[in-house]
């Protein structure tokens, strides 16, 4: 899924060359796996990007409800520099 959405994960472009290389892709994959683990555990500390910018922190159930209403919403974790669709 990440490989098909490389334009959506620009926050992982560490060297700012406007392309996601293999090490940046691995980092994105690792972050996605870690966030999936945290979501599965029901951990709080999620934020999403809304009309006025960053909103949160919220619990995972709230993020799921927002994602159902707004497919493709970008989410992150409190304090993270990364965003995922």
Protein backbone atom coordinates (compact mmCIF):
# COMPACT_ATOMS: atom_id res chain seq x y z
CA UNK A 1 0.00 0.00 0.00
CA UNK A 2 2.77 2.46 0.85
CA UNK A 3 4.60 1.88 -2.43
CA UNK A 4 1.43 2.83 -4.37
CA UNK A 5 1.08 6.07 -2.35
CA UNK A 6 4.61 7.49 -2.44
CA UNK A 7 3.30 11.00 -3.17
CA UNK A 8 1.25 10.79 0.03
CA UNK A 9 4.23 10.22 2.30
CA UNK A 10 6.35 13.27 1.53
CA UNK A 11 7.08 13.74 5.23
CA UNK A 12 9.42 10.73 4.96
CA UNK A 13 11.62 12.43 2.32
CA UNK A 14 14.48 13.02 4.77
CA UNK A 15 16.98 14.36 2.20
CA UNK A 16 14.32 16.58 0.52
CA UNK A 17 15.13 15.36 -3.01
CA UNK A 18 11.40 15.00 -3.83
CA UNK A 19 11.62 11.22 -4.15
CA UNK A 20 11.24 8.44 -1.63
CA UNK A 21 14.30 6.19 -1.79
CA UNK A 22 14.55 2.67 -0.37
CA UNK A 23 15.77 3.72 3.10
CA UNK A 24 12.98 6.31 3.38
CA UNK A 25 10.46 3.71 2.21
CA UNK A 26 11.74 1.28 4.86
CA UNK A 27 11.35 4.00 7.50
CA UNK A 28 7.77 4.69 6.32
CA UNK A 29 7.00 0.97 6.47
CA UNK A 30 8.47 0.66 9.96
CA UNK A 31 6.46 3.66 11.19
CA UNK A 32 3.26 2.26 9.63
CA UNK A 33 3.84 -1.10 11.36
CA UNK A 34 4.50 0.57 14.72
CA UNK A 35 1.43 2.78 14.41
CA UNK A 36 -0.67 -0.25 13.46
CA UNK A 37 0.53 -2.00 16.61
CA UNK A 38 -0.33 1.05 18.74
CA UNK A 39 -3.77 1.37 17.10
CA UNK A 40 -4.47 -2.32 17.71
CA UNK A 41 -3.64 -1.78 21.39
CA UNK A 42 -6.04 1.19 21.49
CA UNK A 43 -3.34 3.68 22.44
CA UNK A 44 -4.23 7.38 22.65
CA UNK A 45 -2.12 10.20 21.24
CA UNK A 46 -3.36 10.32 17.64
CA UNK A 47 -3.71 13.52 15.64
CA UNK A 48 -5.21 14.22 12.24
CA UNK A 49 -4.90 17.03 9.75
CA UNK A 50 -8.14 18.97 9.42
CA UNK A 51 -9.25 22.22 7.81
CA UNK A 52 -7.57 24.30 10.52
CA UNK A 53 -4.42 22.17 10.71
CA UNK A 54 -3.47 19.57 13.27
CA UNK A 55 -6.32 18.36 15.51
CA UNK A 56 -5.83 16.24 18.60
CA UNK A 57 -4.64 14.32 20.44
CA UNK A 58 -7.51 11.87 20.07
CA UNK A 59 -8.13 8.22 20.86
CA UNK A 60 -7.98 5.62 18.10
CA UNK A 61 -11.79 5.15 17.91
CA UNK A 62 -12.18 8.86 17.14
CA UNK A 63 -9.55 8.63 14.39
CA UNK A 64 -11.35 5.62 12.87
CA UNK A 65 -14.65 7.52 12.82
CA UNK A 66 -13.01 10.54 11.17
CA UNK A 67 -11.33 8.31 8.58
CA UNK A 68 -14.70 6.76 7.70
CA UNK A 69 -16.19 10.21 7.11
CA UNK A 70 -13.08 11.55 5.34
CA UNK A 71 -11.21 8.78 3.49
CA UNK A 72 -7.60 9.72 2.87
CA UNK A 73 -7.32 11.88 5.99
CA UNK A 74 -3.73 12.18 7.17
CA UNK A 75 -2.93 10.94 10.67
CA UNK A 76 0.08 11.14 12.92
CA UNK A 77 1.15 10.59 16.50
CA UNK A 78 1.62 13.38 19.01
CA UNK A 79 5.20 14.61 18.65
CA UNK A 80 5.90 12.78 15.38
CA UNK A 81 7.16 14.58 12.29
CA UNK A 82 5.58 11.94 10.05
CA UNK A 83 2.09 11.82 8.52
CA UNK A 84 0.39 8.84 6.87
CA UNK A 85 -2.86 8.65 4.87
